[in-house]
Amino acid sequence: VAAALQDHGRALVVGQRSFGKGSVQNILDL
């Protein structure tokens, strides 16, 4: 959300650099 609003110039971001968890997990049956 923060990245989308910042990249589109919809909002200024204040505070500290975020955590950096941008991964997608899938559940694979065994």
PDB file of all heavy atoms in Angstrom:
ATOM      1  N   VAL A   1       0.838  -1.207   0.000  1.00  0.00           N
ATOM      2  CA  VAL A   1       0.000   0.000   0.000  1.00  0.00           C
ATOM      3  C   VAL A   1       0.870   1.253   0.000  1.00  0.00           C
ATOM      4  O   VAL A   1       0.655   2.179  -0.783  1.00  0.00           O
ATOM      5  CB  VAL A   1      -0.948   0.001   1.214  1.00  0.00           C
ATOM      6  CG1 VAL A   1      -1.709   1.315   1.304  1.00  0.00           C
ATOM      7  CG2 VAL A   1      -1.928  -1.167   1.116  1.00  0.00           C
ATOM      8  N   ALA A   2       1.867   1.297   0.892  1.00  0.00           N
ATOM      9  CA  ALA A   2       2.731   2.474   0.989  1.00  0.00           C
ATOM     10  C   ALA A   2       3.483   2.722  -0.317  1.00  0.00           C
ATOM     11  O   ALA A   2       3.603   3.866  -0.774  1.00  0.00           O
ATOM     12  CB  ALA A   2       3.718   2.302   2.144  1.00  0.00           C
ATOM     13  N   ALA A   3       3.978   1.648  -0.935  1.00  0.00           N
ATOM     14  CA  ALA A   3       4.730   1.785  -2.183  1.00  0.00           C
ATOM     15  C   ALA A   3       3.841   2.274  -3.321  1.00  0.00           C
ATOM     16  O   ALA A   3       4.241   3.127  -4.122  1.00  0.00           O
ATOM     17  CB  ALA A   3       5.375   0.450  -2.550  1.00  0.00           C
ATOM     18  N   ALA A   4       2.619   1.746  -3.401  1.00  0.00           N
ATOM     19  CA  ALA A   4       1.698   2.146  -4.466  1.00  0.00           C
ATOM     20  C   ALA A   4       1.354   3.632  -4.349  1.00  0.00           C
ATOM     21  O   ALA A   4       1.372   4.374  -5.344  1.00  0.00           O
ATOM     22  CB  ALA A   4       0.429   1.301  -4.402  1.00  0.00           C
ATOM     23  N   LEU A   5       1.062   4.097  -3.134  1.00  0.00           N
ATOM     24  CA  LEU A   5       0.697   5.498  -2.947  1.00  0.00           C
ATOM     25  C   LEU A   5       1.886   6.421  -3.177  1.00  0.00           C
ATOM     26  O   LEU A   5       1.739   7.520  -3.711  1.00  0.00           O
ATOM     27  CB  LEU A   5       0.129   5.703  -1.536  1.00  0.00           C
ATOM     28  CG  LEU A   5      -1.389   5.546  -1.400  1.00  0.00           C
ATOM     29  CD1 LEU A   5      -1.850   4.160  -1.810  1.00  0.00           C
ATOM     30  CD2 LEU A   5      -1.843   5.836   0.035  1.00  0.00           C
ATOM     31  N   GLN A   6       3.072   5.958  -2.794  1.00  0.00           N
ATOM     32  CA  GLN A   6       4.273   6.775  -3.003  1.00  0.00           C
ATOM     33  C   GLN A   6       4.642   6.854  -4.488  1.00  0.00           C
ATOM     34  O   GLN A   6       4.927   7.938  -5.003  1.00  0.00           O
ATOM     35  CB  GLN A   6       5.441   6.185  -2.209  1.00  0.00           C
ATOM     36  CG  GLN A   6       6.709   7.046  -2.236  1.00  0.00           C
ATOM     37  CD  GLN A   6       7.829   6.413  -1.418  1.00  0.00           C
ATOM     38  OE1 GLN A   6       8.174   5.249  -1.606  1.00  0.00           O
ATOM     39  NE2 GLN A   6       8.411   7.193  -0.505  1.00  0.00           N
ATOM     40  N   ASP A   7       4.617   5.724  -5.187  1.00  0.00           N
ATOM     41  CA  ASP A   7       5.017   5.707  -6.595  1.00  0.00           C
ATOM     42  C   ASP A   7       4.059   6.477  -7.484  1.00  0.00           C
ATOM     43  O   ASP A   7       4.463   7.037  -8.508  1.00  0.00           O
ATOM     44  CB  ASP A   7       5.132   4.260  -7.086  1.00  0.00           C
ATOM     45  CG  ASP A   7       6.372   3.555  -6.540  1.00  0.00           C
ATOM     46  OD1 ASP A   7       7.172   4.228  -5.861  1.00  0.00           O
ATOM     47  OD2 ASP A   7       6.530   2.344  -6.765  1.00  0.00           O
ATOM     48  N   HIS A   8       2.790   6.521  -7.116  1.00  0.00           N
ATOM     49  CA  HIS A   8       1.805   7.258  -7.911  1.00  0.00           C
ATOM     50  C   HIS A   8       1.687   8.722  -7.465  1.00  0.00           C
ATOM     51  O   HIS A   8       0.834   9.452  -7.986  1.00  0.00           O
ATOM     52  CB  HIS A   8       0.434   6.580  -7.817  1.00  0.00           C
ATOM     53  CG  HIS A   8       0.315   5.334  -8.653  1.00  0.00           C
ATOM     54  ND1 HIS A   8       0.147   5.366 -10.020  1.00  0.00           N
ATOM     55  CD2 HIS A   8       0.367   4.021  -8.315  1.00  0.00           C
ATOM     56  CE1 HIS A   8       0.087   4.135 -10.489  1.00  0.00           C
ATOM     57  NE2 HIS A   8       0.219   3.285  -9.470  1.00  0.00           N
ATOM     58  N   GLY A   9       2.520   9.133  -6.529  1.00  0.00           N
ATOM     59  CA  GLY A   9       2.479  10.507  -6.061  1.00  0.00           C
ATOM     60  C   GLY A   9       1.227  10.855  -5.290  1.00  0.00           C
ATOM     61  O   GLY A   9       0.879  12.028  -5.146  1.00  0.00           O
ATOM     62  N   ARG A  10       0.551   9.833  -4.747  1.00  0.00           N
ATOM     63  CA  ARG A  10      -0.685  10.071  -4.008  1.00  0.00           C
ATOM     64  C   ARG A  10      -0.432  10.431  -2.556  1.00  0.00           C
ATOM     65  O   ARG A  10      -1.302  10.984  -1.885  1.00  0.00           O
ATOM     66  CB  ARG A  10      -1.579   8.820  -4.070  1.00  0.00           C
ATOM     67  CG  ARG A  10      -2.369   8.704  -5.332  1.00  0.00           C
ATOM     68  CD  ARG A  10      -3.402   9.824  -5.442  1.00  0.00           C
ATOM     69  NE  ARG A  10      -4.388   9.740  -4.369  1.00  0.00           N
ATOM     70  CZ  ARG A  10      -4.533  10.635  -3.412  1.00  0.00           C
ATOM     71  NH1 ARG A  10      -3.754  11.696  -3.334  1.00  0.00           N
ATOM     72  NH2 ARG A  10      -5.475  10.475  -2.480  1.00  0.00           N
ATOM     73  N   ALA A  11       0.727  10.096  -2.043  1.00  0.00           N
ATOM     74  CA  ALA A  11       1.015  10.368  -0.638  1.00  0.00           C
ATOM     75  C   ALA A  11       2.510  10.511  -0.425  1.00  0.00           C
ATOM     76  O   ALA A  11       3.314   9.906  -1.140  1.00  0.00           O
ATOM     77  CB  ALA A  11       0.468   9.247   0.251  1.00  0.00           C
ATOM     78  N   LEU A  12       2.869  11.327   0.554  1.00  0.00           N
ATOM     79  CA  LEU A  12       4.237  11.395   1.032  1.00  0.00           C
ATOM     80  C   LEU A  12       4.401  10.379   2.154  1.00  0.00           C
ATOM     81  O   LEU A  12       3.481  10.147   2.940  1.00  0.00           O
ATOM     82  CB  LEU A  12       4.563  12.797   1.545  1.00  0.00           C
ATOM     83  CG  LEU A  12       4.611  13.896   0.474  1.00  0.00           C
ATOM     84  CD1 LEU A  12       4.756  15.270   1.130  1.00  0.00           C
ATOM     85  CD2 LEU A  12       5.763  13.653  -0.493  1.00  0.00           C
ATOM     86  N   VAL A  13       5.566   9.753   2.224  1.00  0.00           N
ATOM     87  CA  VAL A  13       5.831   8.727   3.233  1.00  0.00           C
ATOM     88  C   VAL A  13       6.737   9.314   4.309  1.00  0.00           C
ATOM     89  O   VAL A  13       7.795   9.874   4.010  1.00  0.00           O
ATOM     90  CB  VAL A  13       6.472   7.476   2.608  1.00  0.00           C
ATOM     91  CG1 VAL A  13       6.847   6.465   3.690  1.00  0.00           C
ATOM     92  CG2 VAL A  13       5.524   6.832   1.602  1.00  0.00           C
ATOM     93  N   VAL A  14       6.310   9.178   5.566  1.00  0.00           N
ATOM     94  CA  VAL A  14       7.029   9.696   6.728  1.00  0.00           C
ATOM     95  C   VAL A  14       7.373   8.539   7.656  1.00  0.00           C
ATOM     96  O   VAL A  14       6.598   7.584   7.785  1.00  0.00           O
ATOM     97  CB  VAL A  14       6.173  10.741   7.481  1.00  0.00           C
ATOM     98  CG1 VAL A  14       6.870  11.189   8.767  1.00  0.00           C
ATOM     99  CG2 VAL A  14       5.888  11.946   6.596  1.00  0.00           C
ATOM    100  N   GLY A  15       8.523   8.609   8.324  1.00  0.00           N
ATOM    101  CA  GLY A  15       8.879   7.606   9.327  1.00  0.00           C
ATOM    102  C   GLY A  15      10.217   6.968   9.064  1.00  0.00           C
ATOM    103  O   GLY A  15      11.220   7.654   8.846  1.00  0.00           O
ATOM    104  N   GLN A  16      10.250   5.636   9.069  1.00  0.00           N
ATOM    105  CA  GLN A  16      11.477   4.876   8.872  1.00  0.00           C
ATOM    106  C   GLN A  16      11.303   3.875   7.739  1.00  0.00           C
ATOM    107  O   GLN A  16      10.178   3.497   7.400  1.00  0.00           O
ATOM    108  CB  GLN A  16      11.846   4.108  10.149  1.00  0.00           C
ATOM    109  CG  GLN A  16      12.263   4.984  11.312  1.00  0.00           C
ATOM    110  CD  GLN A  16      12.435   4.188  12.591  1.00  0.00           C
ATOM    111  OE1 GLN A  16      11.551   4.153  13.425  1.00  0.00           O
ATOM    112  NE2 GLN A  16      13.579   3.546  12.765  1.00  0.00           N
ATOM    113  N   ARG A  17      12.431   3.447   7.182  1.00  0.00           N
ATOM    114  CA  ARG A  17      12.394   2.442   6.117  1.00  0.00           C
ATOM    115  C   ARG A  17      11.689   1.183   6.599  1.00  0.00           C
ATOM    116  O   ARG A  17      11.911   0.708   7.716  1.00  0.00           O
ATOM    117  CB  ARG A  17      13.818   2.099   5.688  1.00  0.00           C
ATOM    118  CG  ARG A  17      13.889   1.262   4.417  1.00  0.00           C
ATOM    119  CD  ARG A  17      15.338   0.982   4.068  1.00  0.00           C
ATOM    120  NE  ARG A  17      15.481   0.507   2.711  1.00  0.00           N
ATOM    121  CZ  ARG A  17      16.658   0.228   2.138  1.00  0.00           C
ATOM    122  NH1 ARG A  17      17.772   0.399   2.829  1.00  0.00           N
ATOM    123  NH2 ARG A  17      16.712  -0.194   0.896  1.00  0.00           N
ATOM    124  N   SER A  18      10.826   0.635   5.751  1.00  0.00           N
ATOM    125  CA  SER A  18      10.016  -0.523   6.138  1.00  0.00           C
ATOM    126  C   SER A  18      10.844  -1.802   6.207  1.00  0.00           C
ATOM    127  O   SER A  18      12.031  -1.826   5.875  1.00  0.00           O
ATOM    128  CB  SER A  18       8.843  -0.686   5.168  1.00  0.00           C
ATOM    129  OG  SER A  18       9.320  -0.952   3.860  1.00  0.00           O
ATOM    130  N   PHE A  19      10.194  -2.879   6.605  1.00  0.00           N
ATOM    131  CA  PHE A  19      10.885  -4.137   6.910  1.00  0.00           C
ATOM    132  C   PHE A  19      11.494  -4.819   5.677  1.00  0.00           C
ATOM    133  O   PHE A  19      12.574  -5.383   5.733  1.00  0.00           O
ATOM    134  CB  PHE A  19       9.909  -5.094   7.596  1.00  0.00           C
ATOM    135  CG  PHE A  19      10.518  -6.397   8.020  1.00  0.00           C
ATOM    136  CD1 PHE A  19      11.257  -6.476   9.181  1.00  0.00           C
ATOM    137  CD2 PHE A  19      10.350  -7.541   7.256  1.00  0.00           C
ATOM    138  CE1 PHE A  19      11.833  -7.681   9.582  1.00  0.00           C
ATOM    139  CE2 PHE A  19      10.916  -8.746   7.644  1.00  0.00           C
ATOM    140  CZ  PHE A  19      11.655  -8.811   8.815  1.00  0.00           C
ATOM    141  N   GLY A  20      10.753  -4.813   4.561  1.00  0.00           N
ATOM    142  CA  GLY A  20      11.252  -5.473   3.362  1.00  0.00           C
ATOM    143  C   GLY A  20      10.816  -6.917   3.226  1.00  0.00           C
ATOM    144  O   GLY A  20      11.606  -7.788   2.882  1.00  0.00           O
ATOM    145  N   LYS A  21       9.525  -7.186   3.491  1.00  0.00           N
ATOM    146  CA  LYS A  21       8.991  -8.534   3.315  1.00  0.00           C
ATOM    147  C   LYS A  21       8.072  -8.506   2.102  1.00  0.00           C
ATOM    148  O   LYS A  21       6.888  -8.234   2.211  1.00  0.00           O
ATOM    149  CB  LYS A  21       8.232  -8.965   4.579  1.00  0.00           C
ATOM    150  CG  LYS A  21       8.005 -10.482   4.698  1.00  0.00           C
ATOM    151  CD  LYS A  21       6.852 -10.959   3.848  1.00  0.00           C
ATOM    152  CE  LYS A  21       6.568 -12.431   4.048  1.00  0.00           C
ATOM    153  NZ  LYS A  21       5.522 -12.942   3.146  1.00  0.00           N
ATOM    154  N   GLY A  22       8.627  -8.806   0.943  1.00  0.00           N
ATOM    155  CA  GLY A  22       7.853  -8.753  -0.289  1.00  0.00           C
ATOM    156  C   GLY A  22       7.848 -10.081  -1.009  1.00  0.00           C
ATOM    157  O   GLY A  22       8.048 -10.139  -2.227  1.00  0.00           O
ATOM    158  N   SER A  23       7.601 -11.162  -0.283  1.00  0.00           N
ATOM    159  CA  SER A  23       7.616 -12.489  -0.905  1.00  0.00           C
ATOM    160  C   SER A  23       6.238 -13.123  -0.838  1.00  0.00           C
ATOM    161  O   SER A  23       5.445 -12.844   0.055  1.00  0.00           O
ATOM    162  CB  SER A  23       8.641 -13.402  -0.209  1.00  0.00           C
ATOM    163  OG  SER A  23       8.353 -13.526   1.156  1.00  0.00           O
ATOM    164  N   VAL A  24       5.963 -13.997  -1.818  1.00  0.00           N
ATOM    165  CA  VAL A  24       4.672 -14.679  -1.945  1.00  0.00           C
ATOM    166  C   VAL A  24       4.866 -16.155  -1.630  1.00  0.00           C
ATOM    167  O   VAL A  24       5.738 -16.802  -2.210  1.00  0.00           O
ATOM    168  CB  VAL A  24       4.092 -14.527  -3.374  1.00  0.00           C
ATOM    169  CG1 VAL A  24       2.720 -15.159  -3.462  1.00  0.00           C
ATOM    170  CG2 VAL A  24       4.062 -13.070  -3.794  1.00  0.00           C
ATOM    171  N   GLN A  25       4.070 -16.692  -0.694  1.00  0.00           N
ATOM    172  CA  GLN A  25       4.159 -18.110  -0.352  1.00  0.00           C
ATOM    173  C   GLN A  25       2.945 -18.873  -0.899  1.00  0.00           C
ATOM    174  O   GLN A  25       1.818 -18.387  -0.797  1.00  0.00           O
ATOM    175  CB  GLN A  25       4.221 -18.308   1.169  1.00  0.00           C
ATOM    176  CG  GLN A  25       5.578 -18.031   1.779  1.00  0.00           C
ATOM    177  CD  GLN A  25       5.891 -16.556   1.880  1.00  0.00           C
ATOM    178  OE1 GLN A  25       5.040 -15.760   2.262  1.00  0.00           O
ATOM    179  NE2 GLN A  25       7.113 -16.176   1.511  1.00  0.00           N
ATOM    180  N   ASN A  26       3.213 -20.044  -1.476  1.00  0.00           N
ATOM    181  CA  ASN A  26       2.157 -20.945  -1.919  1.00  0.00           C
ATOM    182  C   ASN A  26       2.156 -22.193  -1.035  1.00  0.00           C
ATOM    183  O   ASN A  26       3.197 -22.598  -0.516  1.00  0.00           O
ATOM    184  CB  ASN A  26       2.362 -21.371  -3.376  1.00  0.00           C
ATOM    185  CG  ASN A  26       1.713 -20.392  -4.346  1.00  0.00           C
ATOM    186  OD1 ASN A  26       1.130 -19.397  -3.940  1.00  0.00           O
ATOM    187  ND2 ASN A  26       1.837 -20.666  -5.634  1.00  0.00           N
ATOM    188  N   ILE A  27       0.983 -22.794  -0.875  1.00  0.00           N
ATOM    189  CA  ILE A  27       0.849 -24.051  -0.135  1.00  0.00           C
ATOM    190  C   ILE A  27       0.831 -25.190  -1.142  1.00  0.00           C
ATOM    191  O   ILE A  27      -0.049 -25.267  -2.005  1.00  0.00           O
ATOM    192  CB  ILE A  27      -0.443 -24.068   0.702  1.00  0.00           C
ATOM    193  CG1 ILE A  27      -0.422 -22.936   1.740  1.00  0.00           C
ATOM    194  CG2 ILE A  27      -0.624 -25.406   1.391  1.00  0.00           C
ATOM    195  CD1 ILE A  27       0.666 -23.066   2.771  1.00  0.00           C
ATOM    196  N   LEU A  28       1.824 -26.078  -1.072  1.00  0.00           N
ATOM    197  CA  LEU A  28       1.955 -27.200  -2.002  1.00  0.00           C
ATOM    198  C   LEU A  28       1.722 -28.503  -1.234  1.00  0.00           C
ATOM    199  O   LEU A  28       2.397 -28.769  -0.229  1.00  0.00           O
ATOM    200  CB  LEU A  28       3.357 -27.199  -2.630  1.00  0.00           C
ATOM    201  CG  LEU A  28       3.781 -25.880  -3.286  1.00  0.00           C
ATOM    202  CD1 LEU A  28       5.227 -25.959  -3.765  1.00  0.00           C
ATOM    203  CD2 LEU A  28       2.864 -25.536  -4.448  1.00  0.00           C
ATOM    204  N   ASP A  29       0.769 -29.288  -1.695  1.00  0.00           N
ATOM    205  CA  ASP A  29       0.384 -30.521  -0.998  1.00  0.00           C
ATOM    206  C   ASP A  29       1.471 -31.587  -1.067  1.00  0.00           C
ATOM    207  O   ASP A  29       2.133 -31.774  -2.096  1.00  0.00           O
ATOM    208  CB  ASP A  29      -0.904 -31.090  -1.602  1.00  0.00           C
ATOM    209  CG  ASP A  29      -2.124 -30.275  -1.215  1.00  0.00           C
ATOM    210  OD1 ASP A  29      -2.016 -29.476  -0.274  1.00  0.00           O
ATOM    211  OD2 ASP A  29      -3.174 -30.427  -1.859  1.00  0.00           O
ATOM    212  N   LEU A  30       1.624 -32.296   0.044  1.00  0.00           N
ATOM    213  CA  LEU A  30       2.444 -33.502   0.126  1.00  0.00           C
ATOM    214  C   LEU A  30       1.604 -34.581   0.804  1.00  0.00           C
ATOM    215  O   LEU A  30       0.692 -34.268   1.565  1.00  0.00           O
ATOM    216  CB  LEU A  30       3.705 -33.251   0.968  1.00  0.00           C
ATOM    217  CG  LEU A  30       4.700 -32.205   0.455  1.00  0.00           C
ATOM    218  CD1 LEU A  30       5.817 -32.022   1.480  1.00  0.00           C
ATOM    219  CD2 LEU A  30       5.292 -32.603  -0.884  1.00  0.00           C
TER     220      LEU A  30
END
